[in-house]
Amino acid sequence: MSEVNRSQLTTLTEELRRLNKEAEKMYVETVRADENYEPDFYGVVKPFAENVDRVRSEWLPLAKNFVQNEKPMHLHPSQLQQTEENLEIVAIKTFYKETGRKRQMETYKSVEYVLKQLIDALQQ
């Protein structure tokens, strides 16, 4: 993988980590904590989901390419695909009270774990 692609993958992965943390913070501190919270679909949900979608659509091909070519020890293409799907869940379900807390918190952790593994592999 070229240094340019490696650098771009690192940047995109860090951006996804930041968005995942932002979503988790929003879910815990606003959605679950404020009993009067109502999601603002056009003002908040849609722009956030579109941003996550844009980043993850650039990220996935680069991440798959890296994992297939470099074969890092604890990462597999199926994990990347699952993480991409989990990011979609994060981008939408974060903003709704009906989203089960336990499952949502596990989704954040799962996304963070895979993205952190990818960052670690990129730095080696």
PDB file of N, CA and C in Angstrom:
ATOM      1  N   MET A   1       0.851  -1.180   0.000  1.00  0.00           N
ATOM      2  CA  MET A   1       0.000   0.000   0.000  1.00  0.00           C
ATOM      3  C   MET A   1       0.894   1.239   0.000  1.00  0.00           C
ATOM      4  N   SER A   2       0.579   2.195  -0.855  1.00  0.00           N
ATOM      5  CA  SER A   2       1.394   3.407  -0.961  1.00  0.00           C
ATOM      6  C   SER A   2       1.298   4.231   0.327  1.00  0.00           C
ATOM      7  N   GLU A   3       2.287   5.061   0.552  1.00  0.00           N
ATOM      8  CA  GLU A   3       2.295   5.930   1.737  1.00  0.00           C
ATOM      9  C   GLU A   3       1.111   6.894   1.719  1.00  0.00           C
ATOM     10  N   VAL A   4       0.737   7.351   0.527  1.00  0.00           N
ATOM     11  CA  VAL A   4      -0.400   8.272   0.407  1.00  0.00           C
ATOM     12  C   VAL A   4      -1.680   7.570   0.862  1.00  0.00           C
ATOM     13  N   ASN A   5      -1.916   6.356   0.363  1.00  0.00           N
ATOM     14  CA  ASN A   5      -3.114   5.601   0.760  1.00  0.00           C
ATOM     15  C   ASN A   5      -3.076   5.252   2.240  1.00  0.00           C
ATOM     16  N   ARG A   6      -1.902   4.895   2.728  1.00  0.00           N
ATOM     17  CA  ARG A   6      -1.740   4.556   4.145  1.00  0.00           C
ATOM     18  C   ARG A   6      -2.087   5.779   5.014  1.00  0.00           C
ATOM     19  N   SER A   7      -1.593   6.929   4.598  1.00  0.00           N
ATOM     20  CA  SER A   7      -1.861   8.173   5.321  1.00  0.00           C
ATOM     21  C   SER A   7      -3.355   8.513   5.270  1.00  0.00           C
ATOM     22  N   GLN A   8      -3.953   8.351   4.090  1.00  0.00           N
ATOM     23  CA  GLN A   8      -5.387   8.622   3.944  1.00  0.00           C
ATOM     24  C   GLN A   8      -6.206   7.658   4.806  1.00  0.00           C
ATOM     25  N   LEU A   9      -5.820   6.386   4.827  1.00  0.00           N
ATOM     26  CA  LEU A   9      -6.529   5.400   5.646  1.00  0.00           C
ATOM     27  C   LEU A   9      -6.414   5.746   7.129  1.00  0.00           C
ATOM     28  N   THR A  10      -5.243   6.171   7.554  1.00  0.00           N
ATOM     29  CA  THR A  10      -5.054   6.573   8.951  1.00  0.00           C
ATOM     30  C   THR A  10      -5.959   7.754   9.287  1.00  0.00           C
ATOM     31  N   THR A  11      -5.993   8.749   8.416  1.00  0.00           N
ATOM     32  CA  THR A  11      -6.830   9.932   8.630  1.00  0.00           C
ATOM     33  C   THR A  11      -8.307   9.558   8.699  1.00  0.00           C
ATOM     34  N   LEU A  12      -8.765   8.739   7.766  1.00  0.00           N
ATOM     35  CA  LEU A  12     -10.174   8.328   7.742  1.00  0.00           C
ATOM     36  C   LEU A  12     -10.527   7.487   8.973  1.00  0.00           C
ATOM     37  N   THR A  13      -9.628   6.616   9.375  1.00  0.00           N
ATOM     38  CA  THR A  13      -9.871   5.765  10.547  1.00  0.00           C
ATOM     39  C   THR A  13      -9.974   6.624  11.804  1.00  0.00           C
ATOM     40  N   GLU A  14      -9.081   7.587  11.945  1.00  0.00           N
ATOM     41  CA  GLU A  14      -9.139   8.492  13.099  1.00  0.00           C
ATOM     42  C   GLU A  14     -10.422   9.322  13.075  1.00  0.00           C
ATOM     43  N   GLU A  15     -10.855   9.729  11.899  1.00  0.00           N
ATOM     44  CA  GLU A  15     -12.102  10.489  11.776  1.00  0.00           C
ATOM     45  C   GLU A  15     -13.293   9.617  12.190  1.00  0.00           C
ATOM     46  N   LEU A  16     -13.302   8.361  11.802  1.00  0.00           N
ATOM     47  CA  LEU A  16     -14.387   7.456  12.218  1.00  0.00           C
ATOM     48  C   LEU A  16     -14.362   7.233  13.727  1.00  0.00           C
ATOM     49  N   ARG A  17     -13.175   7.130  14.296  1.00  0.00           N
ATOM     50  CA  ARG A  17     -13.080   6.993  15.761  1.00  0.00           C
ATOM     51  C   ARG A  17     -13.670   8.226  16.441  1.00  0.00           C
ATOM     52  N   ARG A  18     -13.346   9.402  15.906  1.00  0.00           N
ATOM     53  CA  ARG A  18     -13.861  10.643  16.474  1.00  0.00           C
ATOM     54  C   ARG A  18     -15.398  10.698  16.367  1.00  0.00           C
ATOM     55  N   LEU A  19     -15.922  10.331  15.208  1.00  0.00           N
ATOM     56  CA  LEU A  19     -17.379  10.327  15.019  1.00  0.00           C
ATOM     57  C   LEU A  19     -18.057   9.307  15.921  1.00  0.00           C
ATOM     58  N   ASN A  20     -17.451   8.156  16.104  1.00  0.00           N
ATOM     59  CA  ASN A  20     -17.992   7.127  16.994  1.00  0.00           C
ATOM     60  C   ASN A  20     -18.047   7.650  18.432  1.00  0.00           C
ATOM     61  N   LYS A  21     -16.973   8.297  18.875  1.00  0.00           N
ATOM     62  CA  LYS A  21     -16.940   8.869  20.234  1.00  0.00           C
ATOM     63  C   LYS A  21     -17.964   9.991  20.382  1.00  0.00           C
ATOM     64  N   GLU A  22     -18.080  10.817  19.360  1.00  0.00           N
ATOM     65  CA  GLU A  22     -19.057  11.907  19.374  1.00  0.00           C
ATOM     66  C   GLU A  22     -20.478  11.339  19.484  1.00  0.00           C
ATOM     67  N   ALA A  23     -20.757  10.293  18.736  1.00  0.00           N
ATOM     68  CA  ALA A  23     -22.078   9.657  18.778  1.00  0.00           C
ATOM     69  C   ALA A  23     -22.345   9.058  20.160  1.00  0.00           C
ATOM     70  N   GLU A  24     -21.347   8.380  20.712  1.00  0.00           N
ATOM     71  CA  GLU A  24     -21.511   7.773  22.037  1.00  0.00           C
ATOM     72  C   GLU A  24     -21.788   8.855  23.085  1.00  0.00           C
ATOM     73  N   LYS A  25     -21.037   9.946  23.027  1.00  0.00           N
ATOM     74  CA  LYS A  25     -21.227  11.048  23.971  1.00  0.00           C
ATOM     75  C   LYS A  25     -22.639  11.628  23.833  1.00  0.00           C
ATOM     76  N   MET A  26     -23.076  11.834  22.605  1.00  0.00           N
ATOM     77  CA  MET A  26     -24.417  12.355  22.341  1.00  0.00           C
ATOM     78  C   MET A  26     -25.483  11.420  22.922  1.00  0.00           C
ATOM     79  N   TYR A  27     -25.291  10.128  22.688  1.00  0.00           N
ATOM     80  CA  TYR A  27     -26.256   9.131  23.159  1.00  0.00           C
ATOM     81  C   TYR A  27     -26.339   9.126  24.689  1.00  0.00           C
ATOM     82  N   VAL A  28     -25.191   9.095  25.345  1.00  0.00           N
ATOM     83  CA  VAL A  28     -25.156   8.997  26.805  1.00  0.00           C
ATOM     84  C   VAL A  28     -25.570  10.300  27.478  1.00  0.00           C
ATOM     85  N   GLU A  29     -25.017  11.420  27.013  1.00  0.00           N
ATOM     86  CA  GLU A  29     -25.208  12.684  27.715  1.00  0.00           C
ATOM     87  C   GLU A  29     -26.468  13.451  27.310  1.00  0.00           C
ATOM     88  N   THR A  30     -27.005  13.167  26.133  1.00  0.00           N
ATOM     89  CA  THR A  30     -28.184  13.918  25.688  1.00  0.00           C
ATOM     90  C   THR A  30     -29.396  13.015  25.496  1.00  0.00           C
ATOM     91  N   VAL A  31     -29.276  12.050  24.607  1.00  0.00           N
ATOM     92  CA  VAL A  31     -30.437  11.223  24.258  1.00  0.00           C
ATOM     93  C   VAL A  31     -30.974  10.465  25.476  1.00  0.00           C
ATOM     94  N   ARG A  32     -30.077   9.810  26.225  1.00  0.00           N
ATOM     95  CA  ARG A  32     -30.511   9.023  27.381  1.00  0.00           C
ATOM     96  C   ARG A  32     -30.716   9.880  28.636  1.00  0.00           C
ATOM     97  N   ALA A  33     -30.005  10.990  28.744  1.00  0.00           N
ATOM     98  CA  ALA A  33     -30.048  11.786  29.967  1.00  0.00           C
ATOM     99  C   ALA A  33     -31.199  12.801  29.994  1.00  0.00           C
ATOM    100  N   ASP A  34     -31.594  13.308  28.847  1.00  0.00           N
ATOM    101  CA  ASP A  34     -32.622  14.342  28.772  1.00  0.00           C
ATOM    102  C   ASP A  34     -33.965  13.703  28.445  1.00  0.00           C
ATOM    103  N   GLU A  35     -34.849  13.684  29.434  1.00  0.00           N
ATOM    104  CA  GLU A  35     -36.140  13.008  29.217  1.00  0.00           C
ATOM    105  C   GLU A  35     -37.026  13.732  28.208  1.00  0.00           C
ATOM    106  N   ASN A  36     -36.739  14.988  27.915  1.00  0.00           N
ATOM    107  CA  ASN A  36     -37.522  15.743  26.937  1.00  0.00           C
ATOM    108  C   ASN A  36     -36.875  15.765  25.550  1.00  0.00           C
ATOM    109  N   TYR A  37     -35.793  15.018  25.401  1.00  0.00           N
ATOM    110  CA  TYR A  37     -35.065  15.027  24.129  1.00  0.00           C
ATOM    111  C   TYR A  37     -35.929  14.510  22.986  1.00  0.00           C
ATOM    112  N   GLU A  38     -35.908  15.244  21.879  1.00  0.00           N
ATOM    113  CA  GLU A  38     -36.553  14.816  20.639  1.00  0.00           C
ATOM    114  C   GLU A  38     -35.524  14.961  19.522  1.00  0.00           C
ATOM    115  N   PRO A  39     -35.349  13.933  18.687  1.00  0.00           N
ATOM    116  CA  PRO A  39     -34.359  14.047  17.618  1.00  0.00           C
ATOM    117  C   PRO A  39     -34.752  15.083  16.565  1.00  0.00           C
ATOM    118  N   ASP A  40     -33.765  15.864  16.137  1.00  0.00           N
ATOM    119  CA  ASP A  40     -33.945  16.839  15.068  1.00  0.00           C
ATOM    120  C   ASP A  40     -33.418  16.165  13.799  1.00  0.00           C
ATOM    121  N   PHE A  41     -34.317  15.543  13.039  1.00  0.00           N
ATOM    122  CA  PHE A  41     -33.886  14.736  11.908  1.00  0.00           C
ATOM    123  C   PHE A  41     -33.091  15.542  10.884  1.00  0.00           C
ATOM    124  N   TYR A  42     -33.637  16.657  10.423  1.00  0.00           N
ATOM    125  CA  TYR A  42     -32.975  17.421   9.354  1.00  0.00           C
ATOM    126  C   TYR A  42     -31.817  18.273   9.865  1.00  0.00           C
ATOM    127  N   GLY A  43     -31.880  18.696  11.119  1.00  0.00           N
ATOM    128  CA  GLY A  43     -30.839  19.554  11.668  1.00  0.00           C
ATOM    129  C   GLY A  43     -29.635  18.807  12.210  1.00  0.00           C
ATOM    130  N   VAL A  44     -29.851  17.587  12.738  1.00  0.00           N
ATOM    131  CA  VAL A  44     -28.769  16.862  13.412  1.00  0.00           C
ATOM    132  C   VAL A  44     -28.575  15.453  12.842  1.00  0.00           C
ATOM    133  N   VAL A  45     -29.625  14.645  12.845  1.00  0.00           N
ATOM    134  CA  VAL A  45     -29.504  13.228  12.484  1.00  0.00           C
ATOM    135  C   VAL A  45     -29.003  13.053  11.049  1.00  0.00           C
ATOM    136  N   LYS A  46     -29.697  13.674  10.103  1.00  0.00           N
ATOM    137  CA  LYS A  46     -29.345  13.509   8.692  1.00  0.00           C
ATOM    138  C   LYS A  46     -27.931  14.009   8.380  1.00  0.00           C
ATOM    139  N   PRO A  47     -27.543  15.228   8.815  1.00  0.00           N
ATOM    140  CA  PRO A  47     -26.173  15.675   8.524  1.00  0.00           C
ATOM    141  C   PRO A  47     -25.105  14.764   9.152  1.00  0.00           C
ATOM    142  N   PHE A  48     -25.347  14.303  10.377  1.00  0.00           N
ATOM    143  CA  PHE A  48     -24.375  13.418  11.028  1.00  0.00           C
ATOM    144  C   PHE A  48     -24.273  12.096  10.273  1.00  0.00           C
ATOM    145  N   ALA A  49     -25.420  11.514   9.935  1.00  0.00           N
ATOM    146  CA  ALA A  49     -25.438  10.234   9.210  1.00  0.00           C
ATOM    147  C   ALA A  49     -24.769  10.375   7.844  1.00  0.00           C
ATOM    148  N   GLU A  50     -25.008  11.479   7.159  1.00  0.00           N
ATOM    149  CA  GLU A  50     -24.380  11.691   5.845  1.00  0.00           C
ATOM    150  C   GLU A  50     -22.866  11.836   5.971  1.00  0.00           C
ATOM    151  N   ASN A  51     -22.410  12.492   7.022  1.00  0.00           N
ATOM    152  CA  ASN A  51     -20.974  12.643   7.256  1.00  0.00           C
ATOM    153  C   ASN A  51     -20.328  11.272   7.521  1.00  0.00           C
ATOM    154  N   VAL A  52     -20.946  10.490   8.397  1.00  0.00           N
ATOM    155  CA  VAL A  52     -20.434   9.139   8.688  1.00  0.00           C
ATOM    156  C   VAL A  52     -20.421   8.313   7.403  1.00  0.00           C
ATOM    157  N   ASP A  53     -21.482   8.382   6.639  1.00  0.00           N
ATOM    158  CA  ASP A  53     -21.581   7.606   5.400  1.00  0.00           C
ATOM    159  C   ASP A  53     -20.488   7.991   4.403  1.00  0.00           C
ATOM    160  N   ARG A  54     -20.232   9.286   4.278  1.00  0.00           N
ATOM    161  CA  ARG A  54     -19.192   9.765   3.369  1.00  0.00           C
ATOM    162  C   ARG A  54     -17.822   9.213   3.782  1.00  0.00           C
ATOM    163  N   VAL A  55     -17.510   9.311   5.058  1.00  0.00           N
ATOM    164  CA  VAL A  55     -16.199   8.859   5.542  1.00  0.00           C
ATOM    165  C   VAL A  55     -16.074   7.337   5.423  1.00  0.00           C
ATOM    166  N   ARG A  56     -17.114   6.622   5.831  1.00  0.00           N
ATOM    167  CA  ARG A  56     -16.996   5.154   5.806  1.00  0.00           C
ATOM    168  C   ARG A  56     -16.970   4.600   4.387  1.00  0.00           C
ATOM    169  N   SER A  57     -17.599   5.290   3.434  1.00  0.00           N
ATOM    170  CA  SER A  57     -17.563   4.808   2.053  1.00  0.00           C
ATOM    171  C   SER A  57     -16.167   4.995   1.438  1.00  0.00           C
ATOM    172  N   GLU A  58     -15.433   6.012   1.878  1.00  0.00           N
ATOM    173  CA  GLU A  58     -14.035   6.172   1.449  1.00  0.00           C
ATOM    174  C   GLU A  58     -13.130   5.199   2.188  1.00  0.00           C
ATOM    175  N   TRP A  59     -13.443   4.979   3.463  1.00  0.00           N
ATOM    176  CA  TRP A  59     -12.618   4.169   4.356  1.00  0.00           C
ATOM    177  C   TRP A  59     -12.607   2.687   3.984  1.00  0.00           C
ATOM    178  N   LEU A  60     -13.775   2.107   3.723  1.00  0.00           N
ATOM    179  CA  LEU A  60     -13.881   0.656   3.559  1.00  0.00           C
ATOM    180  C   LEU A  60     -12.980   0.084   2.459  1.00  0.00           C
ATOM    181  N   PRO A  61     -12.970   0.625   1.244  1.00  0.00           N
ATOM    182  CA  PRO A  61     -12.088   0.039   0.217  1.00  0.00           C
ATOM    183  C   PRO A  61     -10.606   0.111   0.596  1.00  0.00           C
ATOM    184  N   LEU A  62     -10.194   1.222   1.202  1.00  0.00           N
ATOM    185  CA  LEU A  62      -8.796   1.358   1.626  1.00  0.00           C
ATOM    186  C   LEU A  62      -8.466   0.367   2.740  1.00  0.00           C
ATOM    187  N   ALA A  63      -9.375   0.246   3.691  1.00  0.00           N
ATOM    188  CA  ALA A  63      -9.152  -0.667   4.819  1.00  0.00           C
ATOM    189  C   ALA A  63      -9.089  -2.117   4.339  1.00  0.00           C
ATOM    190  N   LYS A  64     -10.005  -2.498   3.447  1.00  0.00           N
ATOM    191  CA  LYS A  64      -9.995  -3.871   2.914  1.00  0.00           C
ATOM    192  C   LYS A  64      -8.699  -4.143   2.157  1.00  0.00           C
ATOM    193  N   ASN A  65      -8.284  -3.193   1.342  1.00  0.00           N
ATOM    194  CA  ASN A  65      -7.053  -3.325   0.583  1.00  0.00           C
ATOM    195  C   ASN A  65      -5.875  -3.532   1.532  1.00  0.00           C
ATOM    196  N   PHE A  66      -5.805  -2.721   2.575  1.00  0.00           N
ATOM    197  CA  PHE A  66      -4.725  -2.831   3.556  1.00  0.00           C
ATOM    198  C   PHE A  66      -4.718  -4.203   4.214  1.00  0.00           C
ATOM    199  N   VAL A  67      -5.868  -4.652   4.687  1.00  0.00           N
ATOM    200  CA  VAL A  67      -5.950  -5.929   5.403  1.00  0.00           C
ATOM    201  C   VAL A  67      -5.630  -7.104   4.477  1.00  0.00           C
ATOM    202  N   GLN A  68      -6.105  -7.059   3.245  1.00  0.00           N
ATOM    203  CA  GLN A  68      -5.838  -8.148   2.305  1.00  0.00           C
ATOM    204  C   GLN A  68      -4.368  -8.215   1.908  1.00  0.00           C
ATOM    205  N   ASN A  69      -3.726  -7.063   1.762  1.00  0.00           N
ATOM    206  CA  ASN A  69      -2.329  -7.039   1.323  1.00  0.00           C
ATOM    207  C   ASN A  69      -1.322  -7.172   2.454  1.00  0.00           C
ATOM    208  N   GLU A  70      -1.588  -6.524   3.574  1.00  0.00           N
ATOM    209  CA  GLU A  70      -0.627  -6.506   4.689  1.00  0.00           C
ATOM    210  C   GLU A  70      -0.868  -7.648   5.683  1.00  0.00           C
ATOM    211  N   LYS A  71      -2.080  -8.178   5.687  1.00  0.00           N
ATOM    212  CA  LYS A  71      -2.472  -9.276   6.572  1.00  0.00           C
ATOM    213  C   LYS A  71      -2.075  -9.060   8.040  1.00  0.00           C
ATOM    214  N   PRO A  72      -2.576  -7.978   8.648  1.00  0.00           N
ATOM    215  CA  PRO A  72      -2.295  -7.769  10.075  1.00  0.00           C
ATOM    216  C   PRO A  72      -2.899  -8.897  10.909  1.00  0.00           C
ATOM    217  N   MET A  73      -2.247  -9.215  12.018  1.00  0.00           N
ATOM    218  CA  MET A  73      -2.607 -10.412  12.793  1.00  0.00           C
ATOM    219  C   MET A  73      -4.060 -10.478  13.253  1.00  0.00           C
ATOM    220  N   HIS A  74      -4.585  -9.412  13.791  1.00  0.00           N
ATOM    221  CA  HIS A  74      -5.899  -9.509  14.427  1.00  0.00           C
ATOM    222  C   HIS A  74      -7.004  -8.780  13.668  1.00  0.00           C
ATOM    223  N   LEU A  75      -6.855  -8.694  12.359  1.00  0.00           N
ATOM    224  CA  LEU A  75      -7.868  -8.040  11.546  1.00  0.00           C
ATOM    225  C   LEU A  75      -8.194  -8.865  10.311  1.00  0.00           C
ATOM    226  N   HIS A  76      -9.478  -8.958  10.008  1.00  0.00           N
ATOM    227  CA  HIS A  76      -9.936  -9.732   8.848  1.00  0.00           C
ATOM    228  C   HIS A  76     -10.949  -8.903   8.066  1.00  0.00           C
ATOM    229  N   PRO A  77     -11.054  -9.111   6.756  1.00  0.00           N
ATOM    230  CA  PRO A  77     -12.011  -8.344   5.946  1.00  0.00           C
ATOM    231  C   PRO A  77     -13.447  -8.396   6.491  1.00  0.00           C
ATOM    232  N   SER A  78     -13.849  -9.529   7.048  1.00  0.00           N
ATOM    233  CA  SER A  78     -15.215  -9.633   7.579  1.00  0.00           C
ATOM    234  C   SER A  78     -15.435  -8.664   8.748  1.00  0.00           C
ATOM    235  N   GLN A  79     -14.386  -8.433   9.544  1.00  0.00           N
ATOM    236  CA  GLN A  79     -14.500  -7.469  10.647  1.00  0.00           C
ATOM    237  C   GLN A  79     -14.705  -6.057  10.115  1.00  0.00           C
ATOM    238  N   LEU A  80     -14.035  -5.753   9.021  1.00  0.00           N
ATOM    239  CA  LEU A  80     -14.178  -4.424   8.418  1.00  0.00           C
ATOM    240  C   LEU A  80     -15.596  -4.226   7.902  1.00  0.00           C
ATOM    241  N   GLN A  81     -16.130  -5.255   7.257  1.00  0.00           N
ATOM    242  CA  GLN A  81     -17.499  -5.189   6.740  1.00  0.00           C
ATOM    243  C   GLN A  81     -18.483  -5.002   7.893  1.00  0.00           C
ATOM    244  N   GLN A  82     -18.283  -5.746   8.979  1.00  0.00           N
ATOM    245  CA  GLN A  82     -19.161  -5.630  10.150  1.00  0.00           C
ATOM    246  C   GLN A  82     -19.039  -4.239  10.779  1.00  0.00           C
ATOM    247  N   THR A  83     -17.835  -3.717  10.829  1.00  0.00           N
ATOM    248  CA  THR A  83     -17.616  -2.385  11.393  1.00  0.00           C
ATOM    249  C   THR A  83     -18.312  -1.332  10.542  1.00  0.00           C
ATOM    250  N   GLU A  84     -18.226  -1.486   9.239  1.00  0.00           N
ATOM    251  CA  GLU A  84     -18.903  -0.558   8.337  1.00  0.00           C
ATOM    252  C   GLU A  84     -20.413  -0.584   8.594  1.00  0.00           C
ATOM    253  N   GLU A  85     -20.975  -1.769   8.793  1.00  0.00           N
ATOM    254  CA  GLU A  85     -22.407  -1.894   9.102  1.00  0.00           C
ATOM    255  C   GLU A  85     -22.717  -1.298  10.475  1.00  0.00           C
ATOM    256  N   ASN A  86     -21.829  -1.543  11.438  1.00  0.00           N
ATOM    257  CA  ASN A  86     -22.024  -0.982  12.778  1.00  0.00           C
ATOM    258  C   ASN A  86     -21.978   0.542  12.762  1.00  0.00           C
ATOM    259  N   LEU A  87     -21.135   1.099  11.911  1.00  0.00           N
ATOM    260  CA  LEU A  87     -21.068   2.559  11.797  1.00  0.00           C
ATOM    261  C   LEU A  87     -22.386   3.133  11.281  1.00  0.00           C
ATOM    262  N   GLU A  88     -23.031   2.404  10.408  1.00  0.00           N
ATOM    263  CA  GLU A  88     -24.348   2.826   9.915  1.00  0.00           C
ATOM    264  C   GLU A  88     -25.353   2.841  11.065  1.00  0.00           C
ATOM    265  N   ILE A  89     -25.292   1.823  11.907  1.00  0.00           N
ATOM    266  CA  ILE A  89     -26.165   1.736  13.088  1.00  0.00           C
ATOM    267  C   ILE A  89     -25.873   2.906  14.030  1.00  0.00           C
ATOM    268  N   VAL A  90     -24.591   3.146  14.282  1.00  0.00           N
ATOM    269  CA  VAL A  90     -24.176   4.252  15.148  1.00  0.00           C
ATOM    270  C   VAL A  90     -24.728   5.569  14.618  1.00  0.00           C
ATOM    271  N   ALA A  91     -24.601   5.780  13.320  1.00  0.00           N
ATOM    272  CA  ALA A  91     -24.985   7.057  12.705  1.00  0.00           C
ATOM    273  C   ALA A  91     -26.472   7.361  12.835  1.00  0.00           C
ATOM    274  N   ILE A  92     -27.293   6.342  12.896  1.00  0.00           N
ATOM    275  CA  ILE A  92     -28.741   6.565  12.948  1.00  0.00           C
ATOM    276  C   ILE A  92     -29.309   6.340  14.356  1.00  0.00           C
ATOM    277  N   LYS A  93     -29.050   5.184  14.932  1.00  0.00           N
ATOM    278  CA  LYS A  93     -29.708   4.809  16.187  1.00  0.00           C
ATOM    279  C   LYS A  93     -29.259   5.614  17.395  1.00  0.00           C
ATOM    280  N   THR A  94     -28.120   6.280  17.287  1.00  0.00           N
ATOM    281  CA  THR A  94     -27.633   7.121  18.381  1.00  0.00           C
ATOM    282  C   THR A  94     -28.686   8.127  18.823  1.00  0.00           C
ATOM    283  N   PHE A  95     -29.467   8.623  17.906  1.00  0.00           N
ATOM    284  CA  PHE A  95     -30.332   9.766  18.174  1.00  0.00           C
ATOM    285  C   PHE A  95     -31.736   9.397  18.659  1.00  0.00           C
ATOM    286  N   TYR A  96     -31.983   8.127  18.889  1.00  0.00           N
ATOM    287  CA  TYR A  96     -33.332   7.708  19.254  1.00  0.00           C
ATOM    288  C   TYR A  96     -33.366   6.995  20.596  1.00  0.00           C
ATOM    289  N   LYS A  97     -34.235   7.478  21.489  1.00  0.00           N
ATOM    290  CA  LYS A  97     -34.369   6.916  22.837  1.00  0.00           C
ATOM    291  C   LYS A  97     -34.732   5.423  22.827  1.00  0.00           C
ATOM    292  N   GLU A  98     -35.460   4.998  21.798  1.00  0.00           N
ATOM    293  CA  GLU A  98     -35.923   3.613  21.736  1.00  0.00           C
ATOM    294  C   GLU A  98     -34.764   2.627  21.554  1.00  0.00           C
ATOM    295  N   THR A  99     -33.613   3.145  21.160  1.00  0.00           N
ATOM    296  CA  THR A  99     -32.447   2.287  20.947  1.00  0.00           C
ATOM    297  C   THR A  99     -32.022   1.709  22.287  1.00  0.00           C
ATOM    298  N   GLY A 100     -31.897   0.393  22.337  1.00  0.00           N
ATOM    299  CA  GLY A 100     -31.507  -0.276  23.573  1.00  0.00           C
ATOM    300  C   GLY A 100     -30.104   0.123  24.006  1.00  0.00           C
ATOM    301  N   ARG A 101     -29.974   0.521  25.270  1.00  0.00           N
ATOM    302  CA  ARG A 101     -28.700   1.024  25.789  1.00  0.00           C
ATOM    303  C   ARG A 101     -27.582  -0.008  25.700  1.00  0.00           C
ATOM    304  N   LYS A 102     -27.836  -1.216  26.172  1.00  0.00           N
ATOM    305  CA  LYS A 102     -26.779  -2.233  26.207  1.00  0.00           C
ATOM    306  C   LYS A 102     -26.240  -2.529  24.807  1.00  0.00           C
ATOM    307  N   ARG A 103     -27.121  -2.771  23.881  1.00  0.00           N
ATOM    308  CA  ARG A 103     -26.699  -3.077  22.508  1.00  0.00           C
ATOM    309  C   ARG A 103     -25.960  -1.900  21.879  1.00  0.00           C
ATOM    310  N   GLN A 104     -26.470  -0.687  22.090  1.00  0.00           N
ATOM    311  CA  GLN A 104     -25.833   0.484  21.499  1.00  0.00           C
ATOM    312  C   GLN A 104     -24.429   0.693  22.071  1.00  0.00           C
ATOM    313  N   MET A 105     -24.274   0.515  23.369  1.00  0.00           N
ATOM    314  CA  MET A 105     -22.952   0.686  23.994  1.00  0.00           C
ATOM    315  C   MET A 105     -21.980  -0.383  23.469  1.00  0.00           C
ATOM    316  N   GLU A 106     -22.468  -1.585  23.264  1.00  0.00           N
ATOM    317  CA  GLU A 106     -21.624  -2.651  22.703  1.00  0.00           C
ATOM    318  C   GLU A 106     -21.220  -2.329  21.259  1.00  0.00           C
ATOM    319  N   THR A 107     -22.122  -1.703  20.521  1.00  0.00           N
ATOM    320  CA  THR A 107     -21.806  -1.313  19.139  1.00  0.00           C
ATOM    321  C   THR A 107     -20.688  -0.274  19.119  1.00  0.00           C
ATOM    322  N   TYR A 108     -20.779   0.718  19.999  1.00  0.00           N
ATOM    323  CA  TYR A 108     -19.702   1.717  20.076  1.00  0.00           C
ATOM    324  C   TYR A 108     -18.369   1.042  20.392  1.00  0.00           C
ATOM    325  N   LYS A 109     -18.382   0.139  21.364  1.00  0.00           N
ATOM    326  CA  LYS A 109     -17.149  -0.558  21.773  1.00  0.00           C
ATOM    327  C   LYS A 109     -16.583  -1.397  20.639  1.00  0.00           C
ATOM    328  N   SER A 110     -17.443  -2.079  19.938  1.00  0.00           N
ATOM    329  CA  SER A 110     -17.014  -2.928  18.829  1.00  0.00           C
ATOM    330  C   SER A 110     -16.364  -2.105  17.727  1.00  0.00           C
ATOM    331  N   VAL A 111     -16.991  -0.998  17.368  1.00  0.00           N
ATOM    332  CA  VAL A 111     -16.435  -0.109  16.337  1.00  0.00           C
ATOM    333  C   VAL A 111     -15.076   0.408  16.788  1.00  0.00           C
ATOM    334  N   GLU A 112     -14.987   0.875  18.023  1.00  0.00           N
ATOM    335  CA  GLU A 112     -13.734   1.424  18.541  1.00  0.00           C
ATOM    336  C   GLU A 112     -12.636   0.356  18.535  1.00  0.00           C
ATOM    337  N   TYR A 113     -12.979  -0.856  18.922  1.00  0.00           N
ATOM    338  CA  TYR A 113     -11.983  -1.935  18.976  1.00  0.00           C
ATOM    339  C   TYR A 113     -11.364  -2.186  17.599  1.00  0.00           C
ATOM    340  N   VAL A 114     -12.197  -2.338  16.588  1.00  0.00           N
ATOM    341  CA  VAL A 114     -11.685  -2.637  15.244  1.00  0.00           C
ATOM    342  C   VAL A 114     -10.895  -1.446  14.691  1.00  0.00           C
ATOM    343  N   LEU A 115     -11.407  -0.244  14.882  1.00  0.00           N
ATOM    344  CA  LEU A 115     -10.690   0.932  14.374  1.00  0.00           C
ATOM    345  C   LEU A 115      -9.341   1.099  15.080  1.00  0.00           C
ATOM    346  N   LYS A 116      -9.305   0.824  16.377  1.00  0.00           N
ATOM    347  CA  LYS A 116      -8.037   0.906  17.122  1.00  0.00           C
ATOM    348  C   LYS A 116      -7.059  -0.158  16.640  1.00  0.00           C
ATOM    349  N   GLN A 117      -7.557  -1.362  16.376  1.00  0.00           N
ATOM    350  CA  GLN A 117      -6.697  -2.432  15.840  1.00  0.00           C
ATOM    351  C   GLN A 117      -6.103  -2.009  14.504  1.00  0.00           C
ATOM    352  N   LEU A 118      -6.913  -1.364  13.680  1.00  0.00           N
ATOM    353  CA  LEU A 118      -6.453  -0.911  12.371  1.00  0.00           C
ATOM    354  C   LEU A 118      -5.377   0.166  12.517  1.00  0.00           C
ATOM    355  N   ILE A 119      -5.593   1.115  13.403  1.00  0.00           N
ATOM    356  CA  ILE A 119      -4.584   2.167  13.657  1.00  0.00           C
ATOM    357  C   ILE A 119      -3.277   1.528  14.116  1.00  0.00           C
ATOM    358  N   ASP A 120      -3.362   0.586  15.055  1.00  0.00           N
ATOM    359  CA  ASP A 120      -2.168  -0.089  15.556  1.00  0.00           C
ATOM    360  C   ASP A 120      -1.420  -0.802  14.420  1.00  0.00           C
ATOM    361  N   ALA A 121      -2.176  -1.478  13.550  1.00  0.00           N
ATOM    362  CA  ALA A 121      -1.560  -2.201  12.433  1.00  0.00           C
ATOM    363  C   ALA A 121      -0.910  -1.228  11.443  1.00  0.00           C
ATOM    364  N   LEU A 122      -1.547  -0.088  11.219  1.00  0.00           N
ATOM    365  CA  LEU A 122      -0.992   0.916  10.309  1.00  0.00           C
ATOM    366  C   LEU A 122       0.312   1.516  10.829  1.00  0.00           C
ATOM    367  N   GLN A 123       0.441   1.572  12.143  1.00  0.00           N
ATOM    368  CA  GLN A 123       1.629   2.178  12.753  1.00  0.00           C
ATOM    369  C   GLN A 123       2.815   1.222  12.814  1.00  0.00           C
ATOM    370  N   GLN A 124       2.597  -0.032  12.511  1.00  0.00           N
ATOM    371  CA  GLN A 124       3.704  -1.003  12.575  1.00  0.00           C
ATOM    372  C   GLN A 124       4.533  -0.982  11.315  1.00  0.00           C
TER     373      GLN A 124
END
